[in-house]
């Protein structure tokens, strides 16, 4: 795709979703990290309901580590994959205390040293909590960017690299949220609403 076309797509997405912003609720980098770990294969709405209860008493790595894995699992059960997520949260919390003095590190490289934190989670926390330039490729971004033609890749990692090449660096974090909004509201996974999509003439997906 030509960069000029990509710019047109981003301009239209900006017009459509001027309120595009993170949906997860948090009040610290640590709360965001936990919420992003919980959001894997789970809706942000469900995560927000779970963390509203969890964070009342357990919103720091020190407080989380006062819970056993079984106790934490009971809080996060409805998010799915609760055993793995509980293990990741407890291990990451221990890493934050032992490696970084109790503070969530502010670079992608250091974030990825935390247990259970991969590229997508590191990118979200780096961009949202620390204002860094990053594109996190979740299921929405992967699907929509490849449908539109902003990317043509078989993996989230390759999609991220292609998006970085076609989108200006200072727009990376904003683009992430814009594409997610379009995926949730128009470009659905099963039945994309192509007939009412204002990007139809720019999109490479058959419709």
N, C-alpha and C. Protein backbone atom coordinates (compact mmCIF):
# COMPACT_ATOMS: atom_id res chain seq x y z
N UNK A 1 0.84 -1.20 0.00
CA UNK A 1 0.00 0.00 0.00
C UNK A 1 0.87 1.25 0.00
N UNK A 2 0.44 2.24 -0.76
CA UNK A 2 1.15 3.53 -0.80
C UNK A 2 0.99 4.24 0.55
N UNK A 3 2.02 4.97 0.93
CA UNK A 3 1.96 5.71 2.18
C UNK A 3 0.84 6.74 2.15
N UNK A 4 0.59 7.33 0.99
CA UNK A 4 -0.49 8.31 0.86
C UNK A 4 -1.85 7.69 1.16
N UNK A 5 -2.04 6.43 0.73
CA UNK A 5 -3.29 5.73 1.01
C UNK A 5 -3.41 5.43 2.49
N UNK A 6 -2.31 5.00 3.09
CA UNK A 6 -2.30 4.74 4.53
C UNK A 6 -2.66 6.01 5.30
N UNK A 7 -2.14 7.15 4.86
CA UNK A 7 -2.45 8.42 5.51
C UNK A 7 -3.93 8.76 5.38
N UNK A 8 -4.51 8.45 4.21
CA UNK A 8 -5.95 8.67 4.02
C UNK A 8 -6.76 7.82 4.98
N UNK A 9 -6.36 6.57 5.14
CA UNK A 9 -7.06 5.66 6.05
C UNK A 9 -6.99 6.18 7.48
N UNK A 10 -5.80 6.59 7.91
CA UNK A 10 -5.64 7.10 9.27
C UNK A 10 -6.43 8.39 9.49
N UNK A 11 -6.47 9.23 8.48
CA UNK A 11 -7.24 10.48 8.58
C UNK A 11 -8.73 10.19 8.76
N UNK A 12 -9.22 9.21 7.99
CA UNK A 12 -10.65 8.86 8.10
C UNK A 12 -10.94 8.21 9.45
N UNK A 13 -10.04 7.34 9.92
CA UNK A 13 -10.23 6.73 11.23
C UNK A 13 -10.23 7.78 12.34
N UNK A 14 -9.37 8.78 12.20
CA UNK A 14 -9.32 9.88 13.17
C UNK A 14 -10.63 10.65 13.17
N UNK A 15 -11.19 10.85 11.99
CA UNK A 15 -12.49 11.54 11.88
C UNK A 15 -13.60 10.71 12.52
N UNK A 16 -13.57 9.40 12.27
CA UNK A 16 -14.61 8.51 12.77
C UNK A 16 -14.56 8.35 14.29
N UNK A 17 -13.35 8.28 14.83
CA UNK A 17 -13.19 7.94 16.24
C UNK A 17 -12.32 8.97 16.98
N UNK A 18 -12.80 10.19 17.08
CA UNK A 18 -12.00 11.21 17.76
C UNK A 18 -11.79 10.91 19.25
N UNK A 19 -12.63 10.00 19.78
CA UNK A 19 -12.53 9.66 21.20
C UNK A 19 -11.74 8.39 21.44
N UNK A 20 -11.04 7.89 20.42
CA UNK A 20 -10.31 6.63 20.55
C UNK A 20 -9.27 6.73 21.66
N UNK A 21 -9.36 5.82 22.61
CA UNK A 21 -8.45 5.82 23.75
C UNK A 21 -8.48 4.43 24.39
N UNK A 22 -7.55 4.15 25.28
CA UNK A 22 -7.54 2.83 25.92
C UNK A 22 -8.84 2.56 26.66
N UNK A 23 -9.35 1.35 26.52
CA UNK A 23 -10.61 0.99 27.19
C UNK A 23 -10.39 0.43 28.59
N UNK A 24 -9.18 -0.06 28.85
CA UNK A 24 -8.89 -0.62 30.17
C UNK A 24 -8.77 0.50 31.21
N UNK A 25 -9.33 0.26 32.37
CA UNK A 25 -9.28 1.26 33.44
C UNK A 25 -8.11 0.95 34.37
N UNK A 26 -7.34 1.99 34.68
CA UNK A 26 -6.15 1.80 35.53
C UNK A 26 -5.76 3.15 36.12
N UNK A 27 -4.99 3.11 37.18
CA UNK A 27 -4.52 4.36 37.79
C UNK A 27 -3.03 4.36 38.04
N UNK A 28 -2.33 3.34 37.52
CA UNK A 28 -0.88 3.28 37.65
C UNK A 28 -0.34 2.33 36.58
N UNK A 29 0.94 2.43 36.26
CA UNK A 29 1.52 1.48 35.30
C UNK A 29 1.33 0.03 35.73
N UNK A 30 1.40 -0.23 37.04
CA UNK A 30 1.24 -1.60 37.51
C UNK A 30 -0.19 -2.09 37.27
N UNK A 31 -1.17 -1.25 37.56
CA UNK A 31 -2.56 -1.64 37.32
C UNK A 31 -2.78 -1.91 35.84
N UNK A 32 -2.19 -1.09 34.98
CA UNK A 32 -2.34 -1.31 33.54
C UNK A 32 -1.70 -2.63 33.13
N UNK A 33 -0.53 -2.92 33.66
CA UNK A 33 0.16 -4.17 33.32
C UNK A 33 -0.71 -5.37 33.67
N UNK A 34 -1.27 -5.37 34.87
CA UNK A 34 -2.13 -6.47 35.30
C UNK A 34 -3.35 -6.57 34.39
N UNK A 35 -3.96 -5.43 34.07
CA UNK A 35 -5.15 -5.41 33.23
C UNK A 35 -4.85 -5.95 31.84
N UNK A 36 -3.70 -5.60 31.29
CA UNK A 36 -3.35 -6.07 29.95
C UNK A 36 -3.11 -7.58 29.97
N UNK A 37 -2.45 -8.09 31.01
CA UNK A 37 -2.26 -9.54 31.13
C UNK A 37 -3.62 -10.24 31.17
N UNK A 38 -4.56 -9.67 31.91
CA UNK A 38 -5.90 -10.27 32.03
C UNK A 38 -6.69 -10.18 30.73
N UNK A 39 -6.36 -9.21 29.87
CA UNK A 39 -7.17 -8.95 28.67
C UNK A 39 -6.94 -9.96 27.55
N UNK A 40 -5.93 -10.80 27.67
CA UNK A 40 -5.68 -11.80 26.63
C UNK A 40 -6.89 -12.73 26.50
N UNK A 41 -7.44 -12.83 25.29
CA UNK A 41 -8.61 -13.68 25.03
C UNK A 41 -9.79 -13.30 25.92
N UNK A 42 -9.90 -12.02 26.26
CA UNK A 42 -10.99 -11.56 27.13
C UNK A 42 -11.35 -10.13 26.76
N UNK A 43 -12.61 -9.76 26.95
CA UNK A 43 -13.02 -8.39 26.61
C UNK A 43 -12.53 -7.40 27.66
N UNK A 44 -12.30 -6.17 27.21
CA UNK A 44 -11.88 -5.12 28.14
C UNK A 44 -12.97 -4.86 29.18
N UNK A 45 -14.24 -4.98 28.77
CA UNK A 45 -15.34 -4.75 29.70
C UNK A 45 -15.28 -5.74 30.87
N UNK A 46 -15.04 -7.00 30.56
CA UNK A 46 -14.93 -8.01 31.61
C UNK A 46 -13.73 -7.74 32.51
N UNK A 47 -12.60 -7.39 31.90
CA UNK A 47 -11.40 -7.09 32.68
C UNK A 47 -11.66 -5.94 33.65
N UNK A 48 -12.33 -4.89 33.17
CA UNK A 48 -12.60 -3.74 34.02
C UNK A 48 -13.48 -4.11 35.22
N UNK A 49 -14.42 -5.03 35.03
CA UNK A 49 -15.27 -5.47 36.14
C UNK A 49 -14.43 -6.24 37.17
N UNK A 50 -13.52 -7.05 36.66
CA UNK A 50 -12.68 -7.85 37.55
C UNK A 50 -11.69 -6.97 38.32
N UNK A 51 -11.03 -6.05 37.61
CA UNK A 51 -10.03 -5.22 38.28
C UNK A 51 -10.65 -4.19 39.22
N UNK A 52 -11.90 -3.82 38.96
CA UNK A 52 -12.58 -2.89 39.88
C UNK A 52 -12.63 -3.48 41.28
N UNK A 53 -12.84 -4.77 41.36
CA UNK A 53 -12.87 -5.47 42.65
C UNK A 53 -11.45 -5.77 43.14
N UNK A 54 -10.63 -6.32 42.25
CA UNK A 54 -9.27 -6.72 42.63
C UNK A 54 -8.44 -5.55 43.14
N UNK A 55 -8.50 -4.42 42.42
CA UNK A 55 -7.61 -3.29 42.74
C UNK A 55 -8.01 -2.53 44.00
N UNK A 56 -9.18 -2.82 44.55
CA UNK A 56 -9.57 -2.15 45.79
C UNK A 56 -8.59 -2.46 46.92
N UNK A 57 -8.09 -3.69 46.92
CA UNK A 57 -7.17 -4.11 47.99
C UNK A 57 -5.82 -4.60 47.49
N UNK A 58 -5.73 -4.87 46.17
CA UNK A 58 -4.51 -5.48 45.64
C UNK A 58 -4.08 -4.78 44.35
N UNK A 59 -3.52 -3.58 44.50
CA UNK A 59 -3.18 -2.79 43.32
C UNK A 59 -1.70 -2.43 43.24
N UNK A 60 -0.86 -3.15 43.99
CA UNK A 60 0.59 -2.99 43.89
C UNK A 60 1.19 -4.39 43.87
N UNK A 61 2.42 -4.52 43.38
CA UNK A 61 3.04 -5.85 43.38
C UNK A 61 3.15 -6.44 44.78
N UNK A 62 3.44 -5.59 45.76
CA UNK A 62 3.57 -6.07 47.14
C UNK A 62 2.25 -6.62 47.65
N UNK A 63 1.17 -5.93 47.35
CA UNK A 63 -0.15 -6.37 47.83
C UNK A 63 -0.61 -7.63 47.10
N UNK A 64 -0.35 -7.68 45.80
CA UNK A 64 -0.74 -8.86 45.02
C UNK A 64 -0.04 -10.11 45.57
N UNK A 65 1.21 -9.95 45.98
CA UNK A 65 1.99 -11.10 46.45
C UNK A 65 1.57 -11.59 47.83
N UNK A 66 0.64 -10.88 48.48
CA UNK A 66 0.08 -11.40 49.73
C UNK A 66 -1.00 -12.45 49.45
N UNK A 67 -1.40 -12.55 48.17
CA UNK A 67 -2.39 -13.55 47.77
C UNK A 67 -1.69 -14.84 47.35
N UNK A 68 -2.32 -15.97 47.66
CA UNK A 68 -1.84 -17.23 47.07
C UNK A 68 -2.33 -17.28 45.62
N UNK A 69 -1.77 -18.18 44.85
CA UNK A 69 -2.24 -18.29 43.46
C UNK A 69 -3.72 -18.65 43.43
N UNK A 70 -4.14 -19.54 44.34
CA UNK A 70 -5.54 -19.94 44.37
C UNK A 70 -6.45 -18.77 44.71
N UNK A 71 -6.01 -17.92 45.62
CA UNK A 71 -6.82 -16.74 45.98
C UNK A 71 -6.93 -15.77 44.82
N UNK A 72 -5.83 -15.55 44.12
CA UNK A 72 -5.85 -14.65 42.97
C UNK A 72 -6.73 -15.23 41.86
N UNK A 73 -6.65 -16.54 41.67
CA UNK A 73 -7.47 -17.18 40.63
C UNK A 73 -8.96 -16.93 40.85
N UNK A 74 -9.39 -16.89 42.10
CA UNK A 74 -10.80 -16.66 42.39
C UNK A 74 -11.23 -15.26 41.95
N UNK A 75 -10.33 -14.30 42.08
CA UNK A 75 -10.65 -12.93 41.64
C UNK A 75 -10.76 -12.83 40.11
N UNK A 76 -9.88 -13.54 39.41
CA UNK A 76 -9.76 -13.34 37.96
C UNK A 76 -10.38 -14.47 37.15
N UNK A 77 -11.07 -15.37 37.81
CA UNK A 77 -11.62 -16.57 37.17
C UNK A 77 -12.38 -16.26 35.89
N UNK A 78 -13.23 -15.23 35.92
CA UNK A 78 -14.12 -14.94 34.78
C UNK A 78 -13.39 -14.39 33.56
N UNK A 79 -12.09 -14.08 33.69
CA UNK A 79 -11.32 -13.57 32.55
C UNK A 79 -10.82 -14.70 31.64
N UNK A 80 -10.97 -15.95 32.09
CA UNK A 80 -10.48 -17.07 31.28
C UNK A 80 -8.98 -17.27 31.45
N UNK A 81 -8.54 -18.48 31.18
CA UNK A 81 -7.12 -18.83 31.32
C UNK A 81 -6.57 -18.34 32.66
N UNK A 82 -7.41 -18.46 33.70
CA UNK A 82 -7.11 -17.80 34.97
C UNK A 82 -5.88 -18.39 35.66
N UNK A 83 -5.61 -19.68 35.47
CA UNK A 83 -4.43 -20.27 36.12
C UNK A 83 -3.13 -19.69 35.56
N UNK A 84 -3.05 -19.64 34.23
CA UNK A 84 -1.84 -19.09 33.60
C UNK A 84 -1.71 -17.60 33.91
N UNK A 85 -2.82 -16.88 33.86
CA UNK A 85 -2.77 -15.44 34.12
C UNK A 85 -2.37 -15.15 35.55
N UNK A 86 -2.88 -15.94 36.50
CA UNK A 86 -2.50 -15.75 37.90
C UNK A 86 -1.00 -15.98 38.08
N UNK A 87 -0.48 -17.02 37.45
CA UNK A 87 0.95 -17.31 37.55
C UNK A 87 1.78 -16.16 36.97
N UNK A 88 1.35 -15.65 35.80
CA UNK A 88 2.07 -14.54 35.16
C UNK A 88 2.06 -13.30 36.05
N UNK A 89 0.90 -12.98 36.60
CA UNK A 89 0.78 -11.77 37.43
C UNK A 89 1.66 -11.88 38.68
N UNK A 90 1.63 -13.04 39.33
CA UNK A 90 2.44 -13.21 40.54
C UNK A 90 3.94 -13.20 40.21
N UNK A 91 4.32 -13.87 39.13
CA UNK A 91 5.74 -13.90 38.75
C UNK A 91 6.23 -12.53 38.31
N UNK A 92 5.41 -11.82 37.53
CA UNK A 92 5.79 -10.47 37.09
C UNK A 92 5.90 -9.54 38.29
N UNK A 93 5.00 -9.68 39.24
CA UNK A 93 5.04 -8.84 40.45
C UNK A 93 6.33 -9.08 41.23
N UNK A 94 6.71 -10.35 41.32
CA UNK A 94 7.97 -10.69 42.01
C UNK A 94 9.16 -10.09 41.27
N UNK A 95 9.14 -10.18 39.93
CA UNK A 95 10.22 -9.60 39.12
C UNK A 95 10.31 -8.09 39.32
N UNK A 96 9.15 -7.42 39.37
CA UNK A 96 9.14 -5.96 39.53
C UNK A 96 9.78 -5.56 40.85
N UNK A 97 9.50 -6.31 41.90
CA UNK A 97 10.08 -6.00 43.21
C UNK A 97 11.57 -6.32 43.24
N UNK A 98 11.93 -7.51 42.75
CA UNK A 98 13.32 -7.97 42.87
C UNK A 98 14.27 -7.30 41.88
N UNK A 99 13.79 -7.02 40.66
CA UNK A 99 14.66 -6.46 39.62
C UNK A 99 14.57 -4.94 39.51
N UNK A 100 13.39 -4.38 39.84
CA UNK A 100 13.17 -2.96 39.54
C UNK A 100 12.66 -2.16 40.74
N UNK A 101 12.94 -2.64 41.93
CA UNK A 101 12.62 -1.87 43.13
C UNK A 101 11.16 -1.56 43.33
N UNK A 102 10.30 -2.40 42.80
CA UNK A 102 8.86 -2.22 43.00
C UNK A 102 8.17 -1.35 41.98
N UNK A 103 8.96 -0.80 41.03
CA UNK A 103 8.38 0.08 40.00
C UNK A 103 8.38 -0.64 38.65
N UNK A 104 7.27 -0.52 37.93
CA UNK A 104 7.20 -1.10 36.59
C UNK A 104 8.22 -0.40 35.70
N UNK A 105 9.10 -1.14 35.03
CA UNK A 105 10.10 -0.50 34.17
C UNK A 105 9.45 0.19 32.98
N UNK A 106 10.11 1.25 32.50
CA UNK A 106 9.50 2.09 31.47
C UNK A 106 10.02 1.90 30.06
N UNK A 107 10.71 0.80 29.79
CA UNK A 107 11.16 0.55 28.42
C UNK A 107 10.62 -0.80 27.95
N UNK A 108 10.50 -0.95 26.63
CA UNK A 108 10.00 -2.20 26.09
C UNK A 108 10.91 -3.38 26.44
N UNK A 109 12.21 -3.15 26.34
CA UNK A 109 13.16 -4.22 26.60
C UNK A 109 13.05 -4.73 28.04
N UNK A 110 12.98 -3.82 29.00
CA UNK A 110 12.88 -4.23 30.40
C UNK A 110 11.51 -4.82 30.72
N UNK A 111 10.47 -4.29 30.10
CA UNK A 111 9.13 -4.84 30.32
C UNK A 111 9.08 -6.30 29.90
N UNK A 112 9.76 -6.61 28.80
CA UNK A 112 9.74 -7.98 28.28
C UNK A 112 10.57 -8.95 29.12
N UNK A 113 11.34 -8.43 30.09
CA UNK A 113 12.05 -9.32 31.01
C UNK A 113 11.13 -9.83 32.10
N UNK A 114 9.93 -9.22 32.23
CA UNK A 114 8.99 -9.65 33.27
C UNK A 114 8.30 -10.94 32.84
N UNK A 115 8.09 -11.80 33.79
CA UNK A 115 7.45 -13.08 33.49
C UNK A 115 6.07 -12.87 32.89
N UNK A 116 5.80 -13.56 31.77
CA UNK A 116 4.49 -13.50 31.15
C UNK A 116 4.23 -12.27 30.31
N UNK A 117 5.23 -11.41 30.16
CA UNK A 117 5.05 -10.18 29.37
C UNK A 117 5.73 -10.36 28.01
N UNK A 118 4.92 -10.42 26.97
CA UNK A 118 5.43 -10.55 25.62
C UNK A 118 5.42 -9.22 24.90
N UNK A 119 5.61 -9.27 23.59
CA UNK A 119 5.72 -8.07 22.77
C UNK A 119 4.47 -7.19 22.86
N UNK A 120 3.29 -7.82 22.73
CA UNK A 120 2.06 -7.02 22.71
C UNK A 120 1.84 -6.32 24.04
N UNK A 121 1.97 -7.05 25.14
CA UNK A 121 1.77 -6.46 26.47
C UNK A 121 2.78 -5.35 26.73
N UNK A 122 4.04 -5.61 26.39
CA UNK A 122 5.08 -4.59 26.58
C UNK A 122 4.77 -3.33 25.78
N UNK A 123 4.30 -3.51 24.54
CA UNK A 123 3.99 -2.36 23.70
C UNK A 123 2.85 -1.53 24.26
N UNK A 124 1.81 -2.21 24.76
CA UNK A 124 0.67 -1.48 25.31
C UNK A 124 1.09 -0.67 26.53
N UNK A 125 1.80 -1.31 27.46
CA UNK A 125 2.20 -0.62 28.69
C UNK A 125 3.17 0.52 28.36
N UNK A 126 4.11 0.27 27.47
CA UNK A 126 5.09 1.30 27.09
C UNK A 126 4.38 2.50 26.45
N UNK A 127 3.44 2.24 25.55
CA UNK A 127 2.76 3.33 24.84
C UNK A 127 1.78 4.07 25.74
N UNK A 128 0.96 3.32 26.49
CA UNK A 128 -0.13 3.94 27.24
C UNK A 128 0.34 4.52 28.57
N UNK A 129 1.12 3.75 29.32
CA UNK A 129 1.54 4.20 30.64
C UNK A 129 2.71 5.18 30.59
N UNK A 130 3.59 5.01 29.59
CA UNK A 130 4.81 5.82 29.56
C UNK A 130 4.90 6.74 28.35
N UNK A 131 3.87 6.76 27.52
CA UNK A 131 3.85 7.68 26.39
C UNK A 131 4.83 7.34 25.29
N UNK A 132 5.24 6.08 25.23
CA UNK A 132 6.20 5.68 24.21
C UNK A 132 5.56 5.46 22.85
N UNK A 133 6.39 5.37 21.82
CA UNK A 133 5.92 5.11 20.46
C UNK A 133 5.95 3.60 20.21
N UNK A 134 4.76 3.01 20.09
CA UNK A 134 4.68 1.56 19.88
C UNK A 134 3.33 1.20 19.28
N UNK A 135 3.30 0.13 18.52
CA UNK A 135 2.05 -0.40 17.98
C UNK A 135 1.87 -1.81 18.52
N UNK A 136 0.89 -1.97 19.37
CA UNK A 136 0.59 -3.29 19.91
C UNK A 136 -0.40 -3.98 18.96
N UNK A 137 -0.06 -5.17 18.52
CA UNK A 137 -0.92 -5.88 17.56
C UNK A 137 -1.71 -6.96 18.30
N UNK A 138 -2.96 -6.61 18.64
CA UNK A 138 -3.87 -7.60 19.21
C UNK A 138 -4.70 -8.20 18.07
N UNK A 139 -5.74 -8.95 18.41
CA UNK A 139 -6.53 -9.61 17.36
C UNK A 139 -7.21 -8.59 16.44
N UNK A 140 -7.69 -7.48 17.00
CA UNK A 140 -8.34 -6.46 16.18
C UNK A 140 -7.36 -5.82 15.21
N UNK A 141 -6.22 -5.41 15.73
CA UNK A 141 -5.22 -4.73 14.88
C UNK A 141 -4.71 -5.69 13.80
N UNK A 142 -4.47 -6.93 14.17
CA UNK A 142 -4.01 -7.92 13.20
C UNK A 142 -5.03 -8.11 12.07
N UNK A 143 -6.28 -8.29 12.45
CA UNK A 143 -7.34 -8.53 11.46
C UNK A 143 -7.58 -7.31 10.57
N UNK A 144 -7.80 -6.17 11.18
CA UNK A 144 -8.21 -4.98 10.43
C UNK A 144 -7.08 -4.44 9.56
N UNK A 145 -5.87 -4.40 10.08
CA UNK A 145 -4.76 -3.85 9.29
C UNK A 145 -4.46 -4.71 8.07
N UNK A 146 -4.61 -6.03 8.22
CA UNK A 146 -4.38 -6.91 7.08
C UNK A 146 -5.54 -6.88 6.09
N UNK A 147 -6.74 -6.70 6.58
CA UNK A 147 -7.88 -6.55 5.67
C UNK A 147 -7.78 -5.27 4.86
N UNK A 148 -7.49 -4.20 5.54
CA UNK A 148 -7.40 -2.90 4.87
C UNK A 148 -6.26 -2.86 3.86
N UNK A 149 -5.21 -3.60 4.14
CA UNK A 149 -4.03 -3.56 3.29
C UNK A 149 -2.91 -2.73 3.88
N UNK A 150 -3.09 -2.27 5.12
CA UNK A 150 -2.01 -1.56 5.80
C UNK A 150 -0.84 -2.52 6.06
N UNK A 151 -1.19 -3.80 6.13
CA UNK A 151 -0.17 -4.85 6.28
C UNK A 151 -0.60 -6.04 5.44
N UNK A 152 0.36 -6.90 5.17
CA UNK A 152 0.08 -8.16 4.48
C UNK A 152 0.98 -9.20 5.11
N UNK A 153 0.55 -9.68 6.27
CA UNK A 153 1.44 -10.53 7.07
C UNK A 153 0.66 -11.67 7.71
N UNK A 154 1.37 -12.73 8.02
CA UNK A 154 0.75 -13.92 8.58
C UNK A 154 0.86 -14.01 10.10
N UNK A 155 1.61 -13.10 10.71
CA UNK A 155 1.79 -13.13 12.16
C UNK A 155 1.66 -11.72 12.73
N UNK A 156 1.31 -11.61 14.02
CA UNK A 156 1.27 -10.29 14.65
C UNK A 156 2.61 -9.57 14.61
N UNK A 157 3.71 -10.34 14.77
CA UNK A 157 5.04 -9.72 14.78
C UNK A 157 5.36 -9.08 13.43
N UNK A 158 5.08 -9.80 12.34
CA UNK A 158 5.33 -9.26 11.00
C UNK A 158 4.39 -8.10 10.70
N UNK A 159 3.15 -8.21 11.19
CA UNK A 159 2.19 -7.11 11.01
C UNK A 159 2.70 -5.85 11.68
N UNK A 160 3.23 -5.99 12.89
CA UNK A 160 3.77 -4.83 13.61
C UNK A 160 4.89 -4.17 12.82
N UNK A 161 5.80 -4.97 12.29
CA UNK A 161 6.92 -4.41 11.53
C UNK A 161 6.44 -3.67 10.29
N UNK A 162 5.44 -4.23 9.61
CA UNK A 162 4.93 -3.57 8.40
C UNK A 162 4.19 -2.29 8.73
N UNK A 163 3.44 -2.29 9.81
CA UNK A 163 2.74 -1.07 10.22
C UNK A 163 3.73 0.04 10.58
N UNK A 164 4.82 -0.35 11.22
CA UNK A 164 5.84 0.64 11.58
C UNK A 164 6.46 1.30 10.34
N UNK A 165 6.51 0.55 9.26
CA UNK A 165 7.11 1.08 8.04
C UNK A 165 6.19 2.06 7.31
N UNK A 166 4.88 1.90 7.48
CA UNK A 166 3.94 2.70 6.70
C UNK A 166 3.28 3.82 7.50
N UNK A 167 3.38 3.74 8.83
CA UNK A 167 2.76 4.74 9.70
C UNK A 167 3.86 5.55 10.38
N UNK A 168 3.75 6.89 10.38
CA UNK A 168 4.77 7.72 11.05
C UNK A 168 4.91 7.34 12.53
N UNK A 169 6.12 7.34 13.00
CA UNK A 169 6.41 6.89 14.37
C UNK A 169 5.55 7.60 15.41
N UNK A 170 5.36 8.90 15.25
CA UNK A 170 4.60 9.64 16.26
C UNK A 170 3.11 9.29 16.25
N UNK A 171 2.68 8.54 15.22
CA UNK A 171 1.27 8.13 15.11
C UNK A 171 1.05 6.68 15.56
N UNK A 172 2.10 5.97 15.91
CA UNK A 172 1.98 4.54 16.20
C UNK A 172 0.94 4.23 17.28
N UNK A 173 1.08 4.87 18.42
CA UNK A 173 0.18 4.56 19.55
C UNK A 173 -1.26 4.95 19.22
N UNK A 174 -1.43 6.10 18.61
CA UNK A 174 -2.77 6.56 18.23
C UNK A 174 -3.39 5.61 17.21
N UNK A 175 -2.60 5.18 16.23
CA UNK A 175 -3.10 4.26 15.19
C UNK A 175 -3.59 2.96 15.81
N UNK A 176 -2.89 2.48 16.80
CA UNK A 176 -3.28 1.26 17.50
C UNK A 176 -4.71 1.36 18.00
N UNK A 177 -5.04 2.45 18.68
CA UNK A 177 -6.39 2.62 19.23
C UNK A 177 -7.43 2.85 18.14
N UNK A 178 -7.07 3.60 17.10
CA UNK A 178 -8.01 3.84 16.00
C UNK A 178 -8.40 2.54 15.30
N UNK A 179 -7.42 1.70 15.05
CA UNK A 179 -7.68 0.44 14.35
C UNK A 179 -8.53 -0.48 15.23
N UNK A 180 -8.26 -0.49 16.53
CA UNK A 180 -9.07 -1.30 17.45
C UNK A 180 -10.53 -0.84 17.42
N UNK A 181 -10.76 0.46 17.46
CA UNK A 181 -12.14 0.97 17.44
C UNK A 181 -12.85 0.53 16.17
N UNK A 182 -12.14 0.59 15.05
CA UNK A 182 -12.77 0.20 13.79
C UNK A 182 -13.10 -1.29 13.79
N UNK A 183 -12.22 -2.07 14.39
CA UNK A 183 -12.46 -3.51 14.48
C UNK A 183 -13.65 -3.85 15.35
N UNK A 184 -13.85 -3.08 16.40
CA UNK A 184 -14.97 -3.34 17.30
C UNK A 184 -16.30 -2.85 16.75
N UNK A 185 -16.27 -1.75 16.01
CA UNK A 185 -17.52 -1.12 15.61
C UNK A 185 -17.96 -1.42 14.18
N UNK A 186 -17.01 -1.71 13.30
CA UNK A 186 -17.36 -1.91 11.88
C UNK A 186 -16.76 -3.19 11.32
N UNK A 187 -15.45 -3.34 11.43
CA UNK A 187 -14.75 -4.44 10.77
C UNK A 187 -14.70 -5.66 11.67
N UNK A 188 -15.89 -6.22 11.95
CA UNK A 188 -16.00 -7.35 12.87
C UNK A 188 -15.33 -8.59 12.29
N UNK A 189 -14.97 -9.51 13.17
CA UNK A 189 -14.25 -10.70 12.72
C UNK A 189 -15.09 -11.59 11.81
N UNK A 190 -16.34 -11.83 12.18
CA UNK A 190 -17.17 -12.75 11.41
C UNK A 190 -17.92 -12.07 10.27
N UNK A 191 -18.56 -10.94 10.57
CA UNK A 191 -19.36 -10.24 9.56
C UNK A 191 -18.99 -8.76 9.51
N UNK A 192 -17.91 -8.43 8.81
CA UNK A 192 -17.55 -7.02 8.69
C UNK A 192 -18.65 -6.23 7.98
N UNK A 193 -18.96 -5.06 8.49
CA UNK A 193 -20.04 -4.23 7.92
C UNK A 193 -19.49 -3.39 6.76
N UNK A 194 -19.09 -4.09 5.70
CA UNK A 194 -18.46 -3.41 4.56
C UNK A 194 -19.39 -2.38 3.91
N UNK A 195 -20.69 -2.67 3.88
CA UNK A 195 -21.63 -1.79 3.19
C UNK A 195 -21.68 -0.39 3.81
N UNK A 196 -21.46 -0.35 5.12
CA UNK A 196 -21.52 0.94 5.81
C UNK A 196 -20.14 1.46 6.22
N UNK A 197 -19.10 0.86 5.66
CA UNK A 197 -17.74 1.28 6.01
C UNK A 197 -17.28 2.40 5.08
N UNK A 198 -16.87 3.50 5.68
CA UNK A 198 -16.43 4.65 4.88
C UNK A 198 -15.02 4.46 4.31
N UNK A 199 -14.39 3.33 4.65
CA UNK A 199 -13.07 3.02 4.10
C UNK A 199 -13.15 2.04 2.92
N UNK A 200 -14.36 1.74 2.47
CA UNK A 200 -14.55 0.74 1.41
C UNK A 200 -13.67 0.98 0.19
N UNK A 201 -13.62 2.23 -0.24
CA UNK A 201 -12.88 2.55 -1.47
C UNK A 201 -11.37 2.49 -1.30
N UNK A 202 -10.91 2.42 -0.07
CA UNK A 202 -9.48 2.36 0.21
C UNK A 202 -9.05 0.96 0.64
N UNK A 203 -10.02 0.11 0.93
CA UNK A 203 -9.76 -1.20 1.52
C UNK A 203 -9.42 -2.23 0.45
N UNK A 204 -8.49 -3.11 0.79
CA UNK A 204 -8.08 -4.17 -0.15
C UNK A 204 -8.82 -5.48 0.08
N UNK A 205 -9.67 -5.52 1.12
CA UNK A 205 -10.43 -6.74 1.41
C UNK A 205 -11.60 -6.86 0.44
N UNK A 206 -11.85 -8.02 -0.15
CA UNK A 206 -13.00 -8.15 -1.05
C UNK A 206 -14.31 -7.91 -0.33
N UNK A 207 -15.18 -7.11 -0.91
CA UNK A 207 -16.46 -6.81 -0.29
C UNK A 207 -17.52 -6.57 -1.38
